[in-house]
Structure formats: C-alpha cells, structure tokens
C-alpha cells in the first residue's frame, strides 16, 4: 500500500567527476540586476534594502536558533561567512527565479556583474549544501555548485566533517529538517499520486506526480536492495499502523545518489547519475 512503512522507489542521479583543479567559478549567464542588501538573515538568506527577503538559489545552509529552537551545527559560521562575503557597499547582482512558499525572492546572487557566486563560496567552505528544486534549477549552475560542494566534501570541511546520518537512526520528530541521509531501499510502490521509496528504518521517500517527469528516464524498478544517499527536507507526520513517520519529498534526481560499495562506510560521495 503506497505510503506505508515498506513503500518506496529509488532513482539514479547524475554522476559528476570533478577535481579541485577542474572546478570553475559559477558565472552568470546574461545581464544581472543590481540590488542593495540590508543584512544577512542567516547563511542562505538576505534582506534587501527595499524590504524584500531573498533566498539564495540552489543551496541550503543550517538553521540559526529561533522561536526557542536551538540552532543547527555550523549555522552561526554560515551566517558570519555570508556577511563576510558581501561587498563593502552591500551591492550585489541577482537573477530572479520566482519566489518560494514563504514569499521570499529566489535568486542567483553574485558579488560582481561578472561573477562571485555567493552560493558557490558557501559550498566551497562546507557551510551549505547543494539542493535541486524544480522549476528553479539552472543546469550550468548545478554542475558548478556540485563541484564546489564536492571539493568541501573531499576535504571534510564544515558540515562534511560530520558523519552522514543513517536512516535507521532517525525515528523522532526532532530528526525533522534538512538532512543528508543514507539507507537501503527496501521496497518500491506506486499510487495514483506518487512513487514511494521505503528505506530501512522509519523513513519513506516520495516523488509526487508533478515531479515524476524529471525521473522518467530513471531505472527505479531495479533499486530495491541498493544503498542510497538522499538529501532534502525530512518531515515528521502523524501515522497509523506501519506507515513511516518520517517522509522526504524528492523533487529532482540530483537529490539522490546510488552509492558504490566502497563508499557506504564513510563520507566520500557516491555515484550520482541522471
């Protein structure tokens, strides 16, 4: 039964081989809009001088403490790093990509008209992680940002100095939030509204009908029994019976990796193919 504790699918994401010397700066494509920054709210958000809130596209930094909730590891470091990256005059150059559900402007942000991608700089320091959320997904930037993250990961910087969480260790509402986790695909099932990936433990992954076109070329039927690494927002949900209480929505194949056998015990990146 779709959505049960033993429901799931798996997909193949894109394999990018990068070395530190092969990583190029993320460069803008076309003209940008100059805006003035008022302040950095956290490691991936800015408030502009005109009052707009801006969310940096394609990255996620750890959450700072708010509303009585403790801050996540490296949240303050990411916040300070973003402040340090801003030009002295606080003028940045952006390309808009719509807005998110919190009505924040989504944008690529550069410190110069010809480059200085803020997201890339944070990824290189290990103070944010790459995310892929369609339709705000620019493929050239995806390759560049994944390369920047991979460099930090290989050097165990920041967030990558911590071990990757195992799906079998997650079973409580406090485990909610943006996570990179590893687990074994136990079962695949489909429903009229979603494809479901059940991992060992209390985690189920969901690919909604609206996003299934991104996964059309994926041989997901063959992935039960495979070790995978996924990233996204893990959410606690009220359940009945043997439904998994922790659910992650997968929006794009770049949120999933199939792990090579020799990578499952450490923090090295596995195989990402599309």
C-alpha atoms as a PDB file:
ATOM      1  CA  UNK A   1       0.000   0.000   0.000  1.00  0.00           C
ATOM      2  CA  UNK A   2       1.595   3.308  -1.067  1.00  0.00           C
ATOM      3  CA  UNK A   3       2.991   5.417   1.755  1.00  0.00           C
ATOM      4  CA  UNK A   4       3.254   2.508   4.155  1.00  0.00           C
ATOM      5  CA  UNK A   5       6.427   1.889   6.083  1.00  0.00           C
ATOM      6  CA  UNK A   6       7.511  -0.564   3.367  1.00  0.00           C
ATOM      7  CA  UNK A   7       6.784   1.566   0.330  1.00  0.00           C
ATOM      8  CA  UNK A   8       9.351   3.198  -1.870  1.00  0.00           C
ATOM      9  CA  UNK A   9      11.266   3.827  -5.040  1.00  0.00           C
ATOM     10  CA  UNK A  10      14.697   4.715  -5.924  1.00  0.00           C
ATOM     11  CA  UNK A  11      16.229   6.752  -8.662  1.00  0.00           C
ATOM     12  CA  UNK A  12      19.533   7.419 -10.289  1.00  0.00           C
ATOM     13  CA  UNK A  13      21.023  10.936 -10.110  1.00  0.00           C
ATOM     14  CA  UNK A  14      23.853  12.403 -12.289  1.00  0.00           C
ATOM     15  CA  UNK A  15      27.472  11.322 -11.898  1.00  0.00           C
ATOM     16  CA  UNK A  16      29.821  14.277 -11.951  1.00  0.00           C
ATOM     17  CA  UNK A  17      33.550  13.634 -11.672  1.00  0.00           C
ATOM     18  CA  UNK A  18      35.368  16.735 -10.527  1.00  0.00           C
ATOM     19  CA  UNK A  19      38.782  17.534  -9.116  1.00  0.00           C
ATOM     20  CA  UNK A  20      39.723  20.721  -7.303  1.00  0.00           C
ATOM     21  CA  UNK A  21      41.713  21.903 -10.301  1.00  0.00           C
ATOM     22  CA  UNK A  22      38.786  21.266 -12.641  1.00  0.00           C
ATOM     23  CA  UNK A  23      36.324  23.404 -10.710  1.00  0.00           C
ATOM     24  CA  UNK A  24      35.477  26.633 -12.483  1.00  0.00           C
ATOM     25  CA  UNK A  25      33.759  29.637 -10.992  1.00  0.00           C
ATOM     26  CA  UNK A  26      29.984  29.756 -11.362  1.00  0.00           C
ATOM     27  CA  UNK A  27      29.492  32.554 -13.866  1.00  0.00           C
ATOM     28  CA  UNK A  28      26.338  34.498 -14.677  1.00  0.00           C
ATOM     29  CA  UNK A  29      24.593  33.983 -17.981  1.00  0.00           C
ATOM     30  CA  UNK A  30      23.237  37.228 -19.334  1.00  0.00           C
ATOM     31  CA  UNK A  31      22.602  40.561 -17.604  1.00  0.00           C
ATOM     32  CA  UNK A  32      22.022  40.829 -13.879  1.00  0.00           C
ATOM     33  CA  UNK A  33      20.038  43.237 -11.720  1.00  0.00           C
ATOM     34  CA  UNK A  34      21.880  45.334  -9.129  1.00  0.00           C
ATOM     35  CA  UNK A  35      20.256  45.475  -5.669  1.00  0.00           C
ATOM     36  CA  UNK A  36      21.269  46.752  -2.250  1.00  0.00           C
ATOM     37  CA  UNK A  37      21.486  44.382   0.714  1.00  0.00           C
ATOM     38  CA  UNK A  38      20.385  45.496   4.152  1.00  0.00           C
ATOM     39  CA  UNK A  39      21.504  42.455   6.140  1.00  0.00           C
ATOM     40  CA  UNK A  40      22.095  38.699   6.032  1.00  0.00           C
ATOM     41  CA  UNK A  41      19.344  36.887   7.946  1.00  0.00           C
ATOM     42  CA  UNK A  42      21.170  33.570   8.069  1.00  0.00           C
ATOM     43  CA  UNK A  43      23.560  31.537   5.934  1.00  0.00           C
ATOM     44  CA  UNK A  44      21.335  31.430   2.843  1.00  0.00           C
ATOM     45  CA  UNK A  45      19.012  34.428   3.177  1.00  0.00           C
ATOM     46  CA  UNK A  46      19.327  38.180   2.708  1.00  0.00           C
ATOM     47  CA  UNK A  47      17.072  41.119   3.409  1.00  0.00           C
ATOM     48  CA  UNK A  48      17.288  43.757   0.717  1.00  0.00           C
ATOM     49  CA  UNK A  49      17.254  47.487   1.314  1.00  0.00           C
ATOM     50  CA  UNK A  50      13.727  47.707  -0.159  1.00  0.00           C
ATOM     51  CA  UNK A  51      12.456  45.217   2.450  1.00  0.00           C
ATOM     52  CA  UNK A  52      12.304  42.128   0.215  1.00  0.00           C
ATOM     53  CA  UNK A  53      13.522  38.847   1.648  1.00  0.00           C
ATOM     54  CA  UNK A  54      15.814  36.909  -0.675  1.00  0.00           C
ATOM     55  CA  UNK A  55      16.672  33.194  -0.580  1.00  0.00           C
ATOM     56  CA  UNK A  56      19.893  32.107  -2.305  1.00  0.00           C
ATOM     57  CA  UNK A  57      19.032  29.681  -5.091  1.00  0.00           C
ATOM     58  CA  UNK A  58      20.218  26.038  -5.054  1.00  0.00           C
ATOM     59  CA  UNK A  59      21.810  25.924  -1.594  1.00  0.00           C
ATOM     60  CA  UNK A  60      20.652  25.226   1.936  1.00  0.00           C
ATOM     61  CA  UNK A  61      22.557  26.448   4.996  1.00  0.00           C
ATOM     62  CA  UNK A  62      21.909  25.223   8.556  1.00  0.00           C
ATOM     63  CA  UNK A  63      19.170  26.992  10.517  1.00  0.00           C
ATOM     64  CA  UNK A  64      20.031  29.513  13.212  1.00  0.00           C
ATOM     65  CA  UNK A  65      18.329  29.432  16.607  1.00  0.00           C
ATOM     66  CA  UNK A  66      14.840  30.936  16.550  1.00  0.00           C
ATOM     67  CA  UNK A  67      11.484  30.641  18.291  1.00  0.00           C
ATOM     68  CA  UNK A  68      13.033  28.755  21.196  1.00  0.00           C
ATOM     69  CA  UNK A  69      14.562  26.140  18.906  1.00  0.00           C
ATOM     70  CA  UNK A  70      18.310  25.541  19.103  1.00  0.00           C
ATOM     71  CA  UNK A  71      20.452  26.394  16.110  1.00  0.00           C
ATOM     72  CA  UNK A  72      21.907  23.676  13.907  1.00  0.00           C
ATOM     73  CA  UNK A  73      25.609  22.874  13.697  1.00  0.00           C
ATOM     74  CA  UNK A  74      27.579  25.475  11.701  1.00  0.00           C
ATOM     75  CA  UNK A  75      24.591  27.832  11.443  1.00  0.00           C
ATOM     76  CA  UNK A  76      26.412  30.788  13.005  1.00  0.00           C
ATOM     77  CA  UNK A  77      29.544  30.095  10.963  1.00  0.00           C
ATOM     78  CA  UNK A  78      27.468  30.122   7.774  1.00  0.00           C
ATOM     79  CA  UNK A  79      25.789  33.374   8.805  1.00  0.00           C
ATOM     80  CA  UNK A  80      29.128  35.055   9.519  1.00  0.00           C
ATOM     81  CA  UNK A  81      30.588  33.718   6.278  1.00  0.00           C
ATOM     82  CA  UNK A  82      27.746  35.191   4.209  1.00  0.00           C
ATOM     83  CA  UNK A  83      28.170  38.572   5.920  1.00  0.00           C
ATOM     84  CA  UNK A  84      31.913  38.459   5.204  1.00  0.00           C
ATOM     85  CA  UNK A  85      31.290  37.672   1.526  1.00  0.00           C
ATOM     86  CA  UNK A  86      29.109  40.731   0.942  1.00  0.00           C
ATOM     87  CA  UNK A  87      30.844  43.700  -0.712  1.00  0.00           C
ATOM     88  CA  UNK A  88      31.601  46.704   1.474  1.00  0.00           C
ATOM     89  CA  UNK A  89      28.907  48.742  -0.285  1.00  0.00           C
ATOM     90  CA  UNK A  90      26.464  45.820   0.049  1.00  0.00           C
ATOM     91  CA  UNK A  91      25.586  45.958  -3.635  1.00  0.00           C
ATOM     92  CA  UNK A  92      25.030  42.548  -5.191  1.00  0.00           C
ATOM     93  CA  UNK A  93      23.870  41.371  -8.606  1.00  0.00           C
ATOM     94  CA  UNK A  94      20.998  38.943  -8.960  1.00  0.00           C
ATOM     95  CA  UNK A  95      18.971  36.896 -11.415  1.00  0.00           C
ATOM     96  CA  UNK A  96      15.438  36.295 -10.188  1.00  0.00           C
ATOM     97  CA  UNK A  97      13.815  32.846 -10.253  1.00  0.00           C
ATOM     98  CA  UNK A  98      10.367  33.491  -8.823  1.00  0.00           C
ATOM     99  CA  UNK A  99       9.549  33.076  -5.150  1.00  0.00           C
ATOM    100  CA  UNK A 100       9.178  30.281  -2.606  1.00  0.00           C
ATOM    101  CA  UNK A 101       6.189  29.346  -0.444  1.00  0.00           C
ATOM    102  CA  UNK A 102       7.315  31.896   2.155  1.00  0.00           C
ATOM    103  CA  UNK A 103       7.123  34.654  -0.481  1.00  0.00           C
ATOM    104  CA  UNK A 104      10.892  35.084  -0.484  1.00  0.00           C
ATOM    105  CA  UNK A 105      12.557  36.059  -3.724  1.00  0.00           C
ATOM    106  CA  UNK A 106      14.602  33.140  -5.119  1.00  0.00           C
ATOM    107  CA  UNK A 107      17.720  34.318  -6.896  1.00  0.00           C
ATOM    108  CA  UNK A 108      21.227  33.595  -8.047  1.00  0.00           C
ATOM    109  CA  UNK A 109      23.358  36.175  -6.233  1.00  0.00           C
ATOM    110  CA  UNK A 110      26.763  37.463  -7.326  1.00  0.00           C
ATOM    111  CA  UNK A 111      29.105  39.971  -5.734  1.00  0.00           C
ATOM    112  CA  UNK A 112      30.197  41.284  -9.164  1.00  0.00           C
ATOM    113  CA  UNK A 113      28.497  41.687 -12.541  1.00  0.00           C
ATOM    114  CA  UNK A 114      30.894  39.054 -13.914  1.00  0.00           C
ATOM    115  CA  UNK A 115      30.896  36.517 -11.067  1.00  0.00           C
ATOM    116  CA  UNK A 116      31.412  35.918  -7.367  1.00  0.00           C
ATOM    117  CA  UNK A 117      28.547  33.456  -6.822  1.00  0.00           C
ATOM    118  CA  UNK A 118      27.610  33.580  -3.111  1.00  0.00           C
ATOM    119  CA  UNK A 119      26.198  30.061  -3.047  1.00  0.00           C
ATOM    120  CA  UNK A 120      29.334  28.622  -4.580  1.00  0.00           C
ATOM    121  CA  UNK A 121      31.518  30.363  -1.983  1.00  0.00           C
ATOM    122  CA  UNK A 122      29.467  28.903   0.890  1.00  0.00           C
ATOM    123  CA  UNK A 123      29.529  25.421  -0.628  1.00  0.00           C
ATOM    124  CA  UNK A 124      33.313  25.558  -1.012  1.00  0.00           C
ATOM    125  CA  UNK A 125      33.609  26.229   2.730  1.00  0.00           C
ATOM    126  CA  UNK A 126      31.278  23.356   3.627  1.00  0.00           C
ATOM    127  CA  UNK A 127      28.797  25.802   5.185  1.00  0.00           C
ATOM    128  CA  UNK A 128      25.865  24.930   2.933  1.00  0.00           C
ATOM    129  CA  UNK A 129      24.671  22.007   0.850  1.00  0.00           C
ATOM    130  CA  UNK A 130      23.509  21.897  -2.742  1.00  0.00           C
ATOM    131  CA  UNK A 131      19.782  21.458  -3.386  1.00  0.00           C
ATOM    132  CA  UNK A 132      17.841  20.887  -6.608  1.00  0.00           C
ATOM    133  CA  UNK A 133      14.251  22.103  -6.522  1.00  0.00           C
ATOM    134  CA  UNK A 134      12.480  22.475  -9.885  1.00  0.00           C
ATOM    135  CA  UNK A 135      11.477  24.583 -11.661  1.00  0.00           C
ATOM    136  CA  UNK A 136      14.106  26.968 -10.228  1.00  0.00           C
ATOM    137  CA  UNK A 137      17.016  24.862 -11.431  1.00  0.00           C
ATOM    138  CA  UNK A 138      19.741  26.147 -13.736  1.00  0.00           C
ATOM    139  CA  UNK A 139      21.766  23.238 -15.136  1.00  0.00           C
ATOM    140  CA  UNK A 140      25.110  25.057 -15.680  1.00  0.00           C
ATOM    141  CA  UNK A 141      24.992  26.278 -12.079  1.00  0.00           C
ATOM    142  CA  UNK A 142      24.069  22.794 -10.873  1.00  0.00           C
ATOM    143  CA  UNK A 143      27.275  21.322 -12.280  1.00  0.00           C
ATOM    144  CA  UNK A 144      29.384  24.132 -10.882  1.00  0.00           C
ATOM    145  CA  UNK A 145      27.753  24.080  -7.450  1.00  0.00           C
ATOM    146  CA  UNK A 146      28.005  20.295  -7.153  1.00  0.00           C
ATOM    147  CA  UNK A 147      31.702  20.610  -7.964  1.00  0.00           C
ATOM    148  CA  UNK A 148      32.179  23.234  -5.247  1.00  0.00           C
ATOM    149  CA  UNK A 149      30.385  21.041  -2.725  1.00  0.00           C
ATOM    150  CA  UNK A 150      32.432  18.031  -3.750  1.00  0.00           C
ATOM    151  CA  UNK A 151      35.643  19.925  -3.040  1.00  0.00           C
ATOM    152  CA  UNK A 152      34.492  20.737   0.513  1.00  0.00           C
ATOM    153  CA  UNK A 153      33.325  17.184   0.992  1.00  0.00           C
ATOM    154  CA  UNK A 154      36.625  15.681  -0.073  1.00  0.00           C
ATOM    155  CA  UNK A 155      38.372  17.952   2.426  1.00  0.00           C
ATOM    156  CA  UNK A 156      35.835  17.229   5.219  1.00  0.00           C
ATOM    157  CA  UNK A 157      35.108  20.935   5.686  1.00  0.00           C
ATOM    158  CA  UNK A 158      32.294  22.300   7.831  1.00  0.00           C
ATOM    159  CA  UNK A 159      29.129  20.234   7.528  1.00  0.00           C
ATOM    160  CA  UNK A 160      31.103  17.480   5.811  1.00  0.00           C
ATOM    161  CA  UNK A 161      33.245  16.986   8.928  1.00  0.00           C
ATOM    162  CA  UNK A 162      30.207  15.277  10.461  1.00  0.00           C
ATOM    163  CA  UNK A 163      29.169  11.707   9.579  1.00  0.00           C
ATOM    164  CA  UNK A 164      26.187  11.216   7.273  1.00  0.00           C
ATOM    165  CA  UNK A 165      23.086  10.151   9.204  1.00  0.00           C
ATOM    166  CA  UNK A 166      21.772   6.609   8.718  1.00  0.00           C
ATOM    167  CA  UNK A 167      18.067   6.176   8.009  1.00  0.00           C
ATOM    168  CA  UNK A 168      17.942   3.511  10.725  1.00  0.00           C
ATOM    169  CA  UNK A 169      18.980   6.124  13.321  1.00  0.00           C
ATOM    170  CA  UNK A 170      16.104   8.500  12.548  1.00  0.00           C
ATOM    171  CA  UNK A 171      12.798   7.907  14.315  1.00  0.00           C
ATOM    172  CA  UNK A 172      11.754  11.039  16.232  1.00  0.00           C
ATOM    173  CA  UNK A 173      10.161  14.438  15.467  1.00  0.00           C
ATOM    174  CA  UNK A 174      13.485  16.094  16.405  1.00  0.00           C
ATOM    175  CA  UNK A 175      15.008  14.404  13.344  1.00  0.00           C
ATOM    176  CA  UNK A 176      12.969  16.697  11.082  1.00  0.00           C
ATOM    177  CA  UNK A 177      14.676  19.330   8.945  1.00  0.00           C
ATOM    178  CA  UNK A 178      17.045  19.407   6.003  1.00  0.00           C
ATOM    179  CA  UNK A 179      19.072  16.208   6.036  1.00  0.00           C
ATOM    180  CA  UNK A 180      21.568  14.219   4.034  1.00  0.00           C
ATOM    181  CA  UNK A 181      20.904  10.591   4.914  1.00  0.00           C
ATOM    182  CA  UNK A 182      21.918   7.119   3.806  1.00  0.00           C
ATOM    183  CA  UNK A 183      19.852   3.964   3.767  1.00  0.00           C
ATOM    184  CA  UNK A 184      18.926   0.807   1.918  1.00  0.00           C
ATOM    185  CA  UNK A 185      15.938   0.746  -0.413  1.00  0.00           C
ATOM    186  CA  UNK A 186      13.603  -1.969   0.847  1.00  0.00           C
ATOM    187  CA  UNK A 187      10.590  -1.690  -1.439  1.00  0.00           C
ATOM    188  CA  UNK A 188       9.127   0.300  -4.327  1.00  0.00           C
ATOM    189  CA  UNK A 189       5.468   1.038  -4.853  1.00  0.00           C
ATOM    190  CA  UNK A 190       3.302   3.484  -6.747  1.00  0.00           C
ATOM    191  CA  UNK A 191      -0.033   5.162  -6.254  1.00  0.00           C
ATOM    192  CA  UNK A 192      -2.184   7.492  -8.311  1.00  0.00           C
ATOM    193  CA  UNK A 193      -0.368  10.496  -6.805  1.00  0.00           C
ATOM    194  CA  UNK A 194       3.197   9.384  -6.073  1.00  0.00           C
ATOM    195  CA  UNK A 195       6.047   6.918  -6.308  1.00  0.00           C
ATOM    196  CA  UNK A 196       7.236   5.767  -2.900  1.00  0.00           C
ATOM    197  CA  UNK A 197      10.689   4.700  -1.741  1.00  0.00           C
ATOM    198  CA  UNK A 198      10.808   2.894   1.546  1.00  0.00           C
ATOM    199  CA  UNK A 199      14.189   2.933   3.295  1.00  0.00           C
ATOM    200  CA  UNK A 200      15.234   0.685   6.134  1.00  0.00           C
ATOM    201  CA  UNK A 201      14.132   2.223   9.408  1.00  0.00           C
ATOM    202  CA  UNK A 202      11.387   4.831   9.739  1.00  0.00           C
ATOM    203  CA  UNK A 203      11.950   6.904   6.575  1.00  0.00           C
ATOM    204  CA  UNK A 204       9.891   6.920   3.387  1.00  0.00           C
ATOM    205  CA  UNK A 205      10.705   8.969   0.269  1.00  0.00           C
ATOM    206  CA  UNK A 206       8.035  10.384  -2.022  1.00  0.00           C
ATOM    207  CA  UNK A 207       8.148  11.533  -5.639  1.00  0.00           C
ATOM    208  CA  UNK A 208       4.900  13.326  -6.378  1.00  0.00           C
ATOM    209  CA  UNK A 209       3.089  13.063  -9.681  1.00  0.00           C
ATOM    210  CA  UNK A 210       4.036  16.637 -10.563  1.00  0.00           C
ATOM    211  CA  UNK A 211       7.755  15.780 -10.381  1.00  0.00           C
ATOM    212  CA  UNK A 212       7.729  12.343 -11.984  1.00  0.00           C
ATOM    213  CA  UNK A 213       8.632  13.739 -15.413  1.00  0.00           C
ATOM    214  CA  UNK A 214      12.093  14.580 -14.014  1.00  0.00           C
ATOM    215  CA  UNK A 215      12.548  10.887 -13.188  1.00  0.00           C
ATOM    216  CA  UNK A 216      11.126   9.467 -16.429  1.00  0.00           C
ATOM    217  CA  UNK A 217      14.462   8.003 -17.588  1.00  0.00           C
ATOM    218  CA  UNK A 218      15.416   6.520 -14.233  1.00  0.00           C
ATOM    219  CA  UNK A 219      15.531   2.696 -13.882  1.00  0.00           C
ATOM    220  CA  UNK A 220      14.000   2.943 -10.429  1.00  0.00           C
ATOM    221  CA  UNK A 221      12.391  -0.501 -10.541  1.00  0.00           C
ATOM    222  CA  UNK A 222      15.861  -2.055 -10.159  1.00  0.00           C
ATOM    223  CA  UNK A 223      16.936  -0.266  -6.989  1.00  0.00           C
ATOM    224  CA  UNK A 224      15.471  -2.250  -4.094  1.00  0.00           C
ATOM    225  CA  UNK A 225      18.364  -3.545  -2.005  1.00  0.00           C
ATOM    226  CA  UNK A 226      20.694  -0.721  -3.087  1.00  0.00           C
ATOM    227  CA  UNK A 227      22.363   1.691  -0.669  1.00  0.00           C
ATOM    228  CA  UNK A 228      21.479   5.288  -1.476  1.00  0.00           C
ATOM    229  CA  UNK A 229      22.155   8.779  -0.236  1.00  0.00           C
ATOM    230  CA  UNK A 230      19.364  11.335  -0.365  1.00  0.00           C
ATOM    231  CA  UNK A 231      19.047  14.976   0.596  1.00  0.00           C
ATOM    232  CA  UNK A 232      16.045  17.109   1.308  1.00  0.00           C
ATOM    233  CA  UNK A 233      13.618  18.207   3.987  1.00  0.00           C
ATOM    234  CA  UNK A 234      12.670  15.373   6.312  1.00  0.00           C
ATOM    235  CA  UNK A 235       9.234  15.920   7.850  1.00  0.00           C
ATOM    236  CA  UNK A 236       7.506  14.194  10.741  1.00  0.00           C
ATOM    237  CA  UNK A 237       3.961  13.104  10.005  1.00  0.00           C
ATOM    238  CA  UNK A 238       1.221  11.555  12.088  1.00  0.00           C
ATOM    239  CA  UNK A 239       0.782   7.955  11.020  1.00  0.00           C
ATOM    240  CA  UNK A 240      -1.288   4.887  11.676  1.00  0.00           C
ATOM    241  CA  UNK A 241      -0.257   1.254  11.643  1.00  0.00           C
ATOM    242  CA  UNK A 242       3.093   0.642   9.988  1.00  0.00           C
ATOM    243  CA  UNK A 243       3.311   3.870   7.993  1.00  0.00           C
ATOM    244  CA  UNK A 244       6.740   5.501   8.164  1.00  0.00           C
ATOM    245  CA  UNK A 245       6.623   8.586  10.414  1.00  0.00           C
ATOM    246  CA  UNK A 246       9.420  10.458   8.602  1.00  0.00           C
ATOM    247  CA  UNK A 247       8.864  11.482   4.985  1.00  0.00           C
ATOM    248  CA  UNK A 248      11.118  13.245   2.486  1.00  0.00           C
ATOM    249  CA  UNK A 249       9.804  14.644  -0.804  1.00  0.00           C
ATOM    250  CA  UNK A 250      12.236  14.175  -3.672  1.00  0.00           C
ATOM    251  CA  UNK A 251      11.883  16.826  -6.362  1.00  0.00           C
ATOM    252  CA  UNK A 252      14.752  16.017  -8.731  1.00  0.00           C
ATOM    253  CA  UNK A 253      17.227  13.167  -9.470  1.00  0.00           C
ATOM    254  CA  UNK A 254      20.085  15.347  -8.203  1.00  0.00           C
ATOM    255  CA  UNK A 255      18.685  14.805  -4.700  1.00  0.00           C
ATOM    256  CA  UNK A 256      19.626  11.113  -4.862  1.00  0.00           C
ATOM    257  CA  UNK A 257      22.838   9.125  -5.234  1.00  0.00           C
ATOM    258  CA  UNK A 258      23.432   5.424  -5.671  1.00  0.00           C
ATOM    259  CA  UNK A 259      26.414   4.564  -3.506  1.00  0.00           C
ATOM    260  CA  UNK A 260      29.332   2.498  -4.685  1.00  0.00           C
ATOM    261  CA  UNK A 261      30.037  -0.380  -2.255  1.00  0.00           C
ATOM    262  CA  UNK A 262      33.298   1.174  -1.053  1.00  0.00           C
ATOM    263  CA  UNK A 263      31.648   4.496  -0.097  1.00  0.00           C
ATOM    264  CA  UNK A 264      28.911   3.334   2.257  1.00  0.00           C
ATOM    265  CA  UNK A 265      31.031   3.453   5.375  1.00  0.00           C
ATOM    266  CA  UNK A 266      32.482   6.956   5.096  1.00  0.00           C
ATOM    267  CA  UNK A 267      31.768  10.474   3.996  1.00  0.00           C
ATOM    268  CA  UNK A 268      33.016  10.198   0.430  1.00  0.00           C
ATOM    269  CA  UNK A 269      30.431  10.921  -2.242  1.00  0.00           C
ATOM    270  CA  UNK A 270      28.849   8.013  -4.013  1.00  0.00           C
ATOM    271  CA  UNK A 271      27.680   7.808  -7.598  1.00  0.00           C
ATOM    272  CA  UNK A 272      25.365  10.487  -8.933  1.00  0.00           C
ATOM    273  CA  UNK A 273      23.872   9.835 -12.341  1.00  0.00           C
ATOM    274  CA  UNK A 274      20.942  11.067 -14.328  1.00  0.00           C
END
